[in-house]
Amino acid sequence: MPLTLKIQAFPAAGIIPKEFTCEGADRSPALTWSGEPEKTKSFALILDDPDAPGGVWNHWLLWNIPVSTSHLEENLRPHGAILSGKNDFGKSGYGGPCPPRGHGAHRYYFRLFALDREKLNLPAGASRAELDRALAPHILATAEYMGRFERK
């Protein structure tokens, strides 16, 4: 069974509810997954917007999610071993969809990575480029879930 990622708050390729965006409470949605490879030792998560005017915009970077975890609760605040990187809003943690008004619908990709390593050697607040370099040699499987959002 392949690694799969699900978000109950909206259907795949559907509209992300405002409560999970800058026009609402800006809370992260709950995520669940299953089907990780047998040798998985941890997970990482990236949420980005490839439709941003200046190129890919990073909204959420998480790593060192324990292998015993199969879900992230709504409005997650990293705790324990889970570390968060700096998003492109300049903050640690989740920054919800917030495309420029009138720019049309943007796609937001939640990507979950199953890793062969229990912990990545990265400090909290690391950048996307640092996370990408640390992830690359350790990815066993990837799952993706996309939602859309537009500010009018």
N, C-alpha and C. Protein backbone atom coordinates (compact mmCIF):
# COMPACT_ATOMS: atom_id res chain seq x y z
N MET A 1 0.84 -1.19 0.00
CA MET A 1 0.00 0.00 0.00
C MET A 1 0.89 1.25 0.00
N PRO A 2 0.65 2.19 -0.90
CA PRO A 2 1.50 3.39 -0.94
C PRO A 2 1.17 4.35 0.20
N LEU A 3 2.10 5.22 0.50
CA LEU A 3 1.90 6.26 1.50
C LEU A 3 0.80 7.20 1.00
N THR A 4 -0.21 7.43 1.84
CA THR A 4 -1.30 8.34 1.48
C THR A 4 -1.49 9.37 2.58
N LEU A 5 -1.88 10.56 2.17
CA LEU A 5 -2.12 11.69 3.07
C LEU A 5 -3.53 12.18 2.84
N LYS A 6 -4.25 12.47 3.93
CA LYS A 6 -5.64 12.94 3.83
C LYS A 6 -5.86 14.12 4.75
N ILE A 7 -6.75 15.00 4.31
CA ILE A 7 -7.18 16.15 5.11
C ILE A 7 -8.71 16.14 5.08
N GLN A 8 -9.33 15.93 6.22
CA GLN A 8 -10.79 15.82 6.27
C GLN A 8 -11.49 17.15 6.02
N ALA A 9 -10.82 18.26 6.26
CA ALA A 9 -11.45 19.58 6.18
C ALA A 9 -11.82 20.01 4.76
N PHE A 10 -11.20 19.38 3.75
CA PHE A 10 -11.53 19.71 2.36
C PHE A 10 -11.11 18.55 1.46
N PRO A 11 -11.80 18.38 0.33
CA PRO A 11 -11.45 17.29 -0.57
C PRO A 11 -10.16 17.57 -1.33
N ALA A 12 -9.49 16.54 -1.80
CA ALA A 12 -8.30 16.71 -2.62
C ALA A 12 -8.65 17.58 -3.82
N ALA A 13 -7.81 18.59 -4.07
CA ALA A 13 -7.99 19.58 -5.14
C ALA A 13 -9.17 20.51 -4.89
N GLY A 14 -9.75 20.44 -3.67
CA GLY A 14 -10.89 21.28 -3.33
C GLY A 14 -10.47 22.62 -2.73
N ILE A 15 -11.46 23.38 -2.36
CA ILE A 15 -11.24 24.70 -1.78
C ILE A 15 -10.91 24.57 -0.29
N ILE A 16 -9.83 25.22 0.12
CA ILE A 16 -9.43 25.21 1.52
C ILE A 16 -10.34 26.18 2.27
N PRO A 17 -11.01 25.74 3.34
CA PRO A 17 -11.88 26.62 4.10
C PRO A 17 -11.11 27.81 4.69
N LYS A 18 -11.78 28.96 4.75
CA LYS A 18 -11.14 30.20 5.22
C LYS A 18 -10.52 30.08 6.59
N GLU A 19 -11.06 29.24 7.46
CA GLU A 19 -10.51 29.12 8.82
C GLU A 19 -9.05 28.68 8.83
N PHE A 20 -8.60 28.07 7.73
CA PHE A 20 -7.21 27.61 7.64
C PHE A 20 -6.33 28.57 6.84
N THR A 21 -6.83 29.80 6.60
CA THR A 21 -6.13 30.79 5.79
C THR A 21 -5.96 32.10 6.56
N CYS A 22 -5.28 33.05 5.93
CA CYS A 22 -5.07 34.36 6.54
C CYS A 22 -6.37 35.15 6.64
N GLU A 23 -7.41 34.73 5.94
CA GLU A 23 -8.71 35.40 6.04
C GLU A 23 -9.56 34.84 7.18
N GLY A 24 -9.05 33.83 7.85
CA GLY A 24 -9.75 33.21 8.97
C GLY A 24 -8.85 33.14 10.18
N ALA A 25 -8.94 32.04 10.91
CA ALA A 25 -8.15 31.86 12.13
C ALA A 25 -6.69 31.49 11.85
N ASP A 26 -6.37 31.18 10.60
CA ASP A 26 -5.01 30.80 10.19
C ASP A 26 -4.49 29.61 10.99
N ARG A 27 -5.39 28.61 11.19
CA ARG A 27 -5.03 27.37 11.89
C ARG A 27 -4.63 26.33 10.86
N SER A 28 -3.70 25.48 11.25
CA SER A 28 -3.36 24.35 10.36
C SER A 28 -4.48 23.33 10.42
N PRO A 29 -4.80 22.69 9.28
CA PRO A 29 -5.82 21.63 9.30
C PRO A 29 -5.24 20.35 9.88
N ALA A 30 -6.12 19.49 10.34
CA ALA A 30 -5.71 18.16 10.81
C ALA A 30 -5.34 17.31 9.59
N LEU A 31 -4.28 16.53 9.72
CA LEU A 31 -3.82 15.65 8.65
C LEU A 31 -3.72 14.23 9.19
N THR A 32 -4.01 13.25 8.34
CA THR A 32 -3.81 11.84 8.70
C THR A 32 -3.10 11.15 7.54
N TRP A 33 -2.36 10.07 7.86
CA TRP A 33 -1.67 9.33 6.82
C TRP A 33 -1.55 7.87 7.20
N SER A 34 -1.24 7.08 6.18
CA SER A 34 -1.04 5.64 6.37
C SER A 34 -0.22 5.12 5.19
N GLY A 35 0.22 3.87 5.31
CA GLY A 35 0.93 3.20 4.24
C GLY A 35 2.41 3.51 4.15
N GLU A 36 3.01 3.94 5.25
CA GLU A 36 4.44 4.25 5.22
C GLU A 36 5.26 2.97 5.03
N PRO A 37 6.39 3.08 4.34
CA PRO A 37 7.25 1.91 4.14
C PRO A 37 7.74 1.33 5.47
N GLU A 38 8.04 0.07 5.46
CA GLU A 38 8.46 -0.65 6.66
C GLU A 38 9.68 -0.03 7.35
N LYS A 39 10.60 0.52 6.61
CA LYS A 39 11.83 1.06 7.19
C LYS A 39 11.72 2.52 7.61
N THR A 40 10.51 3.07 7.62
CA THR A 40 10.31 4.47 8.01
C THR A 40 10.69 4.66 9.47
N LYS A 41 11.44 5.74 9.75
CA LYS A 41 11.83 6.08 11.13
C LYS A 41 11.31 7.42 11.57
N SER A 42 10.88 8.27 10.63
CA SER A 42 10.27 9.56 10.97
C SER A 42 9.61 10.13 9.72
N PHE A 43 8.95 11.27 9.91
CA PHE A 43 8.27 11.96 8.81
C PHE A 43 8.67 13.43 8.81
N ALA A 44 8.51 14.05 7.64
CA ALA A 44 8.65 15.49 7.49
C ALA A 44 7.47 15.97 6.65
N LEU A 45 7.13 17.23 6.78
CA LEU A 45 6.00 17.80 6.05
C LEU A 45 6.38 19.17 5.52
N ILE A 46 5.99 19.43 4.28
CA ILE A 46 6.18 20.74 3.66
C ILE A 46 4.85 21.16 3.05
N LEU A 47 4.46 22.40 3.28
CA LEU A 47 3.30 23.01 2.62
C LEU A 47 3.82 24.20 1.83
N ASP A 48 3.56 24.19 0.52
CA ASP A 48 4.01 25.32 -0.28
C ASP A 48 2.99 25.69 -1.36
N ASP A 49 3.20 26.87 -1.93
CA ASP A 49 2.35 27.45 -2.97
C ASP A 49 3.23 27.71 -4.20
N PRO A 50 3.13 26.86 -5.24
CA PRO A 50 3.96 27.07 -6.42
C PRO A 50 3.45 28.20 -7.32
N ASP A 51 2.28 28.76 -7.01
CA ASP A 51 1.68 29.79 -7.85
C ASP A 51 1.94 31.21 -7.36
N ALA A 52 2.74 31.36 -6.32
CA ALA A 52 3.05 32.69 -5.78
C ALA A 52 3.77 33.52 -6.84
N PRO A 53 3.51 34.83 -6.87
CA PRO A 53 4.08 35.69 -7.91
C PRO A 53 5.61 35.64 -8.00
N GLY A 54 6.30 35.50 -6.89
CA GLY A 54 7.76 35.49 -6.90
C GLY A 54 8.37 34.11 -6.94
N GLY A 55 7.58 33.08 -7.16
CA GLY A 55 8.06 31.70 -7.13
C GLY A 55 7.46 30.96 -5.95
N VAL A 56 7.92 29.76 -5.71
CA VAL A 56 7.34 28.92 -4.65
C VAL A 56 7.40 29.64 -3.31
N TRP A 57 6.25 29.65 -2.60
CA TRP A 57 6.15 30.28 -1.28
C TRP A 57 5.94 29.17 -0.26
N ASN A 58 6.80 29.14 0.75
CA ASN A 58 6.75 28.09 1.78
C ASN A 58 5.89 28.53 2.95
N HIS A 59 4.89 27.71 3.27
CA HIS A 59 3.94 28.02 4.32
C HIS A 59 4.17 27.24 5.61
N TRP A 60 4.80 26.05 5.50
CA TRP A 60 4.93 25.21 6.70
C TRP A 60 6.03 24.19 6.47
N LEU A 61 6.95 24.10 7.40
CA LEU A 61 8.05 23.14 7.34
C LEU A 61 8.12 22.42 8.69
N LEU A 62 7.96 21.12 8.69
CA LEU A 62 8.03 20.32 9.92
C LEU A 62 8.90 19.09 9.67
N TRP A 63 9.65 18.69 10.68
CA TRP A 63 10.44 17.47 10.58
C TRP A 63 10.63 16.84 11.95
N ASN A 64 11.21 15.66 11.96
CA ASN A 64 11.38 14.84 13.16
C ASN A 64 10.03 14.44 13.76
N ILE A 65 9.04 14.24 12.89
CA ILE A 65 7.74 13.75 13.33
C ILE A 65 7.94 12.25 13.60
N PRO A 66 7.69 11.79 14.82
CA PRO A 66 7.97 10.38 15.17
C PRO A 66 7.22 9.38 14.29
N VAL A 67 7.83 8.25 14.04
CA VAL A 67 7.24 7.20 13.21
C VAL A 67 5.95 6.67 13.84
N SER A 68 5.80 6.79 15.13
CA SER A 68 4.58 6.34 15.81
C SER A 68 3.38 7.26 15.54
N THR A 69 3.62 8.36 14.88
CA THR A 69 2.58 9.35 14.58
C THR A 69 1.93 9.05 13.23
N SER A 70 0.61 9.10 13.19
CA SER A 70 -0.10 8.93 11.92
C SER A 70 -1.10 10.05 11.68
N HIS A 71 -1.00 11.10 12.50
CA HIS A 71 -1.86 12.26 12.30
C HIS A 71 -1.24 13.48 12.99
N LEU A 72 -1.63 14.64 12.51
CA LEU A 72 -1.30 15.91 13.16
C LEU A 72 -2.63 16.59 13.45
N GLU A 73 -2.81 17.03 14.68
CA GLU A 73 -4.07 17.64 15.05
C GLU A 73 -4.19 19.03 14.44
N GLU A 74 -5.43 19.51 14.37
CA GLU A 74 -5.69 20.86 13.89
C GLU A 74 -5.00 21.87 14.80
N ASN A 75 -4.52 22.95 14.21
CA ASN A 75 -3.85 24.03 14.94
C ASN A 75 -2.62 23.53 15.70
N LEU A 76 -1.86 22.66 15.05
CA LEU A 76 -0.68 22.05 15.66
C LEU A 76 0.35 23.09 16.07
N ARG A 77 0.87 22.92 17.25
CA ARG A 77 2.03 23.69 17.73
C ARG A 77 3.13 22.66 17.94
N PRO A 78 4.24 22.77 17.19
CA PRO A 78 5.30 21.76 17.34
C PRO A 78 5.71 21.57 18.80
N HIS A 79 5.93 20.32 19.17
CA HIS A 79 6.28 19.98 20.55
C HIS A 79 7.14 18.72 20.54
N GLY A 80 7.79 18.48 21.63
CA GLY A 80 8.63 17.29 21.73
C GLY A 80 9.73 17.31 20.68
N ALA A 81 9.88 16.20 19.97
CA ALA A 81 10.94 16.07 18.95
C ALA A 81 10.61 16.83 17.67
N ILE A 82 9.32 17.14 17.44
CA ILE A 82 8.91 17.78 16.19
C ILE A 82 9.46 19.20 16.14
N LEU A 83 10.17 19.50 15.04
CA LEU A 83 10.74 20.82 14.85
C LEU A 83 10.10 21.51 13.66
N SER A 84 10.09 22.84 13.70
CA SER A 84 9.48 23.64 12.66
C SER A 84 10.51 24.59 12.07
N GLY A 85 10.46 24.74 10.75
CA GLY A 85 11.34 25.67 10.08
C GLY A 85 10.69 27.03 9.91
N LYS A 86 11.47 27.94 9.35
CA LYS A 86 10.98 29.30 9.10
C LYS A 86 10.27 29.33 7.76
N ASN A 87 9.01 29.75 7.78
CA ASN A 87 8.26 29.85 6.53
C ASN A 87 8.60 31.18 5.84
N ASP A 88 8.02 31.40 4.68
CA ASP A 88 8.35 32.61 3.93
C ASP A 88 7.66 33.87 4.45
N PHE A 89 6.85 33.71 5.50
CA PHE A 89 6.33 34.88 6.22
C PHE A 89 7.35 35.35 7.26
N GLY A 90 8.45 34.58 7.39
CA GLY A 90 9.50 34.92 8.35
C GLY A 90 9.23 34.40 9.74
N LYS A 91 8.27 33.48 9.86
CA LYS A 91 7.89 32.94 11.17
C LYS A 91 8.07 31.44 11.20
N SER A 92 8.18 30.90 12.39
CA SER A 92 8.22 29.46 12.59
C SER A 92 6.79 28.96 12.70
N GLY A 93 6.51 27.81 12.16
CA GLY A 93 5.18 27.24 12.25
C GLY A 93 4.36 27.45 10.99
N TYR A 94 3.07 27.27 11.14
CA TYR A 94 2.13 27.32 10.03
C TYR A 94 1.78 28.75 9.66
N GLY A 95 1.79 29.04 8.39
CA GLY A 95 1.28 30.29 7.83
C GLY A 95 0.33 29.90 6.72
N GLY A 96 -0.94 30.11 6.92
CA GLY A 96 -1.93 29.63 5.97
C GLY A 96 -1.93 30.32 4.63
N PRO A 97 -2.69 29.75 3.70
CA PRO A 97 -2.81 30.34 2.37
C PRO A 97 -3.21 31.82 2.46
N CYS A 98 -2.54 32.65 1.65
CA CYS A 98 -2.79 34.09 1.68
C CYS A 98 -2.30 34.71 0.36
N PRO A 99 -2.85 34.25 -0.77
CA PRO A 99 -2.38 34.79 -2.04
C PRO A 99 -2.79 36.26 -2.20
N PRO A 100 -2.12 36.99 -3.08
CA PRO A 100 -2.52 38.37 -3.31
C PRO A 100 -3.97 38.44 -3.82
N ARG A 101 -4.70 39.44 -3.38
CA ARG A 101 -6.09 39.62 -3.85
C ARG A 101 -6.10 39.78 -5.37
N GLY A 102 -7.08 39.13 -5.99
CA GLY A 102 -7.24 39.25 -7.42
C GLY A 102 -6.23 38.47 -8.25
N HIS A 103 -5.44 37.64 -7.60
CA HIS A 103 -4.39 36.88 -8.29
C HIS A 103 -4.90 35.52 -8.77
N GLY A 104 -6.14 35.24 -8.52
CA GLY A 104 -6.71 33.94 -8.90
C GLY A 104 -6.45 32.88 -7.85
N ALA A 105 -6.97 31.71 -8.12
CA ALA A 105 -6.80 30.60 -7.18
C ALA A 105 -5.37 30.09 -7.23
N HIS A 106 -4.82 29.85 -6.07
CA HIS A 106 -3.49 29.25 -5.95
C HIS A 106 -3.65 27.82 -5.49
N ARG A 107 -2.66 26.99 -5.83
CA ARG A 107 -2.63 25.59 -5.38
C ARG A 107 -1.69 25.51 -4.18
N TYR A 108 -2.12 24.76 -3.17
CA TYR A 108 -1.33 24.57 -1.95
C TYR A 108 -1.08 23.08 -1.79
N TYR A 109 0.21 22.70 -1.83
CA TYR A 109 0.60 21.30 -1.76
C TYR A 109 1.12 20.95 -0.37
N PHE A 110 0.43 20.01 0.27
CA PHE A 110 0.89 19.42 1.51
C PHE A 110 1.66 18.17 1.09
N ARG A 111 2.95 18.09 1.40
CA ARG A 111 3.76 16.93 1.03
C ARG A 111 4.33 16.29 2.29
N LEU A 112 4.03 15.01 2.44
CA LEU A 112 4.52 14.24 3.58
C LEU A 112 5.63 13.32 3.08
N PHE A 113 6.73 13.29 3.80
CA PHE A 113 7.88 12.46 3.45
C PHE A 113 8.11 11.42 4.53
N ALA A 114 8.19 10.15 4.14
CA ALA A 114 8.59 9.08 5.05
C ALA A 114 10.11 8.98 4.93
N LEU A 115 10.80 9.01 6.06
CA LEU A 115 12.26 9.07 6.08
C LEU A 115 12.87 7.85 6.75
N ASP A 116 14.08 7.51 6.32
CA ASP A 116 14.80 6.37 6.90
C ASP A 116 15.66 6.78 8.08
N ARG A 117 15.42 7.94 8.61
CA ARG A 117 16.21 8.49 9.71
C ARG A 117 15.28 9.01 10.80
N GLU A 118 15.62 8.73 12.05
CA GLU A 118 14.76 9.15 13.15
C GLU A 118 14.75 10.67 13.32
N LYS A 119 15.92 11.29 13.17
CA LYS A 119 16.01 12.75 13.33
C LYS A 119 16.92 13.34 12.27
N LEU A 120 16.48 14.47 11.73
CA LEU A 120 17.33 15.22 10.81
C LEU A 120 18.19 16.15 11.64
N ASN A 121 19.42 16.32 11.22
CA ASN A 121 20.35 17.18 11.95
C ASN A 121 20.16 18.63 11.51
N LEU A 122 19.02 19.19 11.91
CA LEU A 122 18.67 20.57 11.58
C LEU A 122 18.17 21.27 12.83
N PRO A 123 18.52 22.52 13.03
CA PRO A 123 17.97 23.26 14.17
C PRO A 123 16.57 23.78 13.84
N ALA A 124 15.78 24.03 14.85
CA ALA A 124 14.49 24.69 14.66
C ALA A 124 14.75 26.01 13.94
N GLY A 125 13.84 26.38 13.06
CA GLY A 125 13.98 27.63 12.32
C GLY A 125 14.77 27.50 11.03
N ALA A 126 15.16 26.28 10.66
CA ALA A 126 15.91 26.06 9.42
C ALA A 126 15.07 26.51 8.21
N SER A 127 15.75 26.81 7.12
CA SER A 127 15.09 27.26 5.89
C SER A 127 14.63 26.07 5.05
N ARG A 128 13.85 26.36 4.05
CA ARG A 128 13.39 25.31 3.11
C ARG A 128 14.59 24.69 2.40
N ALA A 129 15.54 25.51 1.97
CA ALA A 129 16.71 24.96 1.28
C ALA A 129 17.48 24.01 2.18
N GLU A 130 17.63 24.37 3.45
CA GLU A 130 18.33 23.49 4.40
C GLU A 130 17.55 22.19 4.60
N LEU A 131 16.23 22.31 4.72
CA LEU A 131 15.40 21.12 4.89
C LEU A 131 15.47 20.22 3.65
N ASP A 132 15.38 20.81 2.48
CA ASP A 132 15.47 20.02 1.25
C ASP A 132 16.78 19.23 1.19
N ARG A 133 17.89 19.87 1.53
CA ARG A 133 19.20 19.18 1.51
C ARG A 133 19.24 18.05 2.52
N ALA A 134 18.69 18.29 3.71
CA ALA A 134 18.70 17.26 4.76
C ALA A 134 17.77 16.09 4.40
N LEU A 135 16.66 16.37 3.75
CA LEU A 135 15.69 15.33 3.38
C LEU A 135 16.19 14.42 2.26
N ALA A 136 16.79 15.02 1.25
CA ALA A 136 17.07 14.34 -0.02
C ALA A 136 17.62 12.91 0.11
N PRO A 137 18.65 12.67 0.91
CA PRO A 137 19.20 11.30 0.94
C PRO A 137 18.39 10.32 1.80
N HIS A 138 17.31 10.78 2.43
CA HIS A 138 16.61 9.93 3.39
C HIS A 138 15.15 9.63 3.04
N ILE A 139 14.67 10.07 1.89
CA ILE A 139 13.26 9.90 1.52
C ILE A 139 12.99 8.47 1.05
N LEU A 140 12.05 7.82 1.72
CA LEU A 140 11.60 6.48 1.33
C LEU A 140 10.34 6.54 0.48
N ALA A 141 9.46 7.51 0.81
CA ALA A 141 8.19 7.65 0.09
C ALA A 141 7.66 9.06 0.32
N THR A 142 6.81 9.49 -0.59
CA THR A 142 6.20 10.81 -0.50
C THR A 142 4.71 10.70 -0.79
N ALA A 143 3.90 11.45 -0.05
CA ALA A 143 2.47 11.55 -0.32
C ALA A 143 2.14 13.03 -0.46
N GLU A 144 1.14 13.31 -1.26
CA GLU A 144 0.80 14.70 -1.56
C GLU A 144 -0.71 14.89 -1.50
N TYR A 145 -1.11 16.07 -1.03
CA TYR A 145 -2.53 16.43 -0.98
C TYR A 145 -2.60 17.91 -1.33
N MET A 146 -3.41 18.25 -2.32
CA MET A 146 -3.47 19.63 -2.78
C MET A 146 -4.83 20.24 -2.52
N GLY A 147 -4.82 21.51 -2.09
CA GLY A 147 -6.05 22.29 -1.96
C GLY A 147 -5.86 23.61 -2.65
N ARG A 148 -6.96 24.32 -2.87
CA ARG A 148 -6.92 25.60 -3.58
C ARG A 148 -7.52 26.71 -2.70
N PHE A 149 -7.04 27.92 -2.94
CA PHE A 149 -7.60 29.07 -2.23
C PHE A 149 -7.38 30.32 -3.05
N GLU A 150 -8.39 31.20 -3.02
CA GLU A 150 -8.33 32.46 -3.74
C GLU A 150 -8.85 33.58 -2.83
N ARG A 151 -8.16 34.70 -2.82
CA ARG A 151 -8.65 35.91 -2.13
C ARG A 151 -9.19 36.85 -3.19
N LYS A 152 -10.40 37.30 -3.00
CA LYS A 152 -11.03 38.19 -4.00
C LYS A 152 -11.09 39.62 -3.51
